[in-house]
Protein backbone atom coordinates (compact mmCIF):
# COMPACT_ATOMS: atom_id res chain seq x y z
CA UNK A 1 0.11 -0.07 -0.01
CA UNK A 2 1.46 3.45 -1.04
CA UNK A 3 1.26 6.03 1.60
CA UNK A 4 2.11 9.58 1.54
CA UNK A 5 2.72 11.82 4.63
CA UNK A 6 2.98 15.57 4.65
CA UNK A 7 4.72 17.66 7.30
CA UNK A 8 5.92 21.00 7.86
CA UNK A 9 2.43 22.88 7.92
CA UNK A 10 1.59 25.33 10.60
CA UNK A 11 1.08 29.09 11.27
CA UNK A 12 3.21 31.80 9.67
CA UNK A 13 2.97 35.48 9.29
CA UNK A 14 2.25 37.19 5.94
CA UNK A 15 5.66 37.61 4.04
CA UNK A 16 7.03 34.55 5.85
CA UNK A 17 8.36 31.22 4.56
CA UNK A 18 7.41 27.57 5.28
CA UNK A 19 8.70 24.37 3.59
CA UNK A 20 6.24 21.49 3.24
CA UNK A 21 7.46 17.85 2.88
CA UNK A 22 6.02 14.85 1.59
CA UNK A 23 7.37 11.36 2.13
CA UNK A 24 6.41 8.37 0.13
CA UNK A 25 6.33 4.82 1.37
CA UNK A 26 7.63 3.39 -1.83
CA UNK A 27 10.77 4.10 -3.84
CA UNK A 28 10.19 6.87 -6.46
CA UNK A 29 11.93 7.76 -9.46
CA UNK A 30 12.08 10.64 -11.89
CA UNK A 31 9.24 8.93 -13.97
CA UNK A 32 6.84 9.37 -11.13
CA UNK A 33 4.93 12.69 -11.24
CA UNK A 34 4.59 14.35 -7.95
CA UNK A 35 2.60 17.33 -7.03
CA UNK A 36 0.97 19.69 -4.47
CA UNK A 37 -2.62 20.83 -4.29
CA UNK A 38 -4.46 22.92 -1.88
CA UNK A 39 -7.85 23.57 -0.77
CA UNK A 40 -8.93 26.69 0.98
CA UNK A 41 -11.84 27.00 3.42
CA UNK A 42 -15.02 27.00 1.27
CA UNK A 43 -13.32 26.57 -2.01
CA UNK A 44 -12.57 23.82 -4.50
CA UNK A 45 -9.20 22.02 -4.43
CA UNK A 46 -6.67 23.62 -6.82
CA UNK A 47 -3.37 22.91 -8.40
CA UNK A 48 -0.33 24.46 -6.83
CA UNK A 49 2.74 22.91 -8.23
CA UNK A 50 4.14 19.73 -9.84
CA UNK A 51 7.39 18.02 -10.88
CA UNK A 52 7.03 15.58 -13.70
CA UNK A 53 9.07 13.16 -15.60
CA UNK A 54 12.59 14.48 -16.46
CA UNK A 55 12.38 17.00 -13.75
CA UNK A 56 10.22 19.63 -15.42
CA UNK A 57 8.21 21.76 -13.09
CA UNK A 58 4.73 23.49 -13.37
CA UNK A 59 3.31 26.04 -11.08
CA UNK A 60 0.02 27.86 -10.68
CA UNK A 61 0.08 31.37 -11.69
CA UNK A 62 -0.79 32.38 -8.15
CA UNK A 63 2.34 31.04 -6.67
CA UNK A 64 4.88 31.41 -9.59
CA UNK A 65 8.03 33.16 -8.37
CA UNK A 66 7.10 32.43 -4.68
CA UNK A 67 6.99 28.59 -4.39
CA UNK A 68 9.45 25.98 -5.47
CA UNK A 69 8.89 22.43 -5.76
CA UNK A 70 11.83 19.93 -5.34
CA UNK A 71 12.02 16.13 -5.26
CA UNK A 72 14.64 13.90 -3.66
CA UNK A 73 14.37 10.43 -5.30
CA UNK A 74 16.85 9.00 -2.86
CA UNK A 75 14.82 9.88 0.12
CA UNK A 76 11.30 9.36 -1.84
CA UNK A 77 10.27 13.00 -0.90
CA UNK A 78 9.04 16.10 -2.67
CA UNK A 79 9.17 19.49 -1.03
CA UNK A 80 7.31 22.66 -1.52
CA UNK A 81 9.22 25.67 -0.41
CA UNK A 82 6.93 28.58 0.03
CA UNK A 83 8.21 32.13 0.32
CA UNK A 84 6.43 35.54 0.57
CA UNK A 85 3.21 33.89 1.94
CA UNK A 86 0.04 35.78 1.64
CA UNK A 87 -3.25 35.25 3.70
CA UNK A 88 -4.82 33.80 0.62
CA UNK A 89 -2.32 30.98 0.65
CA UNK A 90 -4.12 29.63 3.79
CA UNK A 91 -5.34 26.15 2.88
CA UNK A 92 -4.94 22.47 3.56
CA UNK A 93 -1.99 21.27 1.23
CA UNK A 94 -2.08 17.77 -0.13
CA UNK A 95 0.69 15.69 -1.79
CA UNK A 96 -0.14 13.69 -4.94
CA UNK A 97 1.98 10.73 -6.48
CA UNK A 98 1.38 8.93 -9.72
CA UNK A 99 2.87 5.51 -9.22
CA UNK A 100 2.38 2.45 -11.29
CA UNK A 101 -0.63 3.88 -13.20
CA UNK A 102 -2.36 4.92 -9.96
CA UNK A 103 -3.05 8.29 -8.09
CA UNK A 104 -2.12 8.29 -4.36
CA UNK A 105 -2.84 11.30 -2.05
CA UNK A 106 -1.61 12.23 1.39
CA UNK A 107 -4.18 13.29 3.98
CA UNK A 108 -3.21 16.90 3.72
CA UNK A 109 -1.69 19.57 6.17
CA UNK A 110 -2.95 22.92 7.21
CA UNK A 111 -0.93 26.11 6.42
CA UNK A 112 -2.32 29.30 7.93
CA UNK A 113 -0.96 32.53 7.01
CA UNK A 114 -2.28 35.13 9.54
CA UNK A 115 -0.76 38.00 11.48
């Protein structure tokens, strides 16, 4: 059973930084797309960032220039470095992995950006 566990969430002030990490229970490689999604209170889940086969990255327009996604295949982790955080970044952030033709999701972790 593939499991994804997120960590690193919490409360941060506007303008601050936070790094989320997602650890997979299986060995991953560069062919396995991984990404981060978020769901703000009262809103639908939305794409944040992804790292796909070959190491290419994609970002939502709302986070470009502020967030950076990075994977470490040796550790089976994908991190999301978040800088210049805004109150509108407040959401539950979930990690996604495509592995052997299946989609797997973590349970999510809360990030709150507030003064």
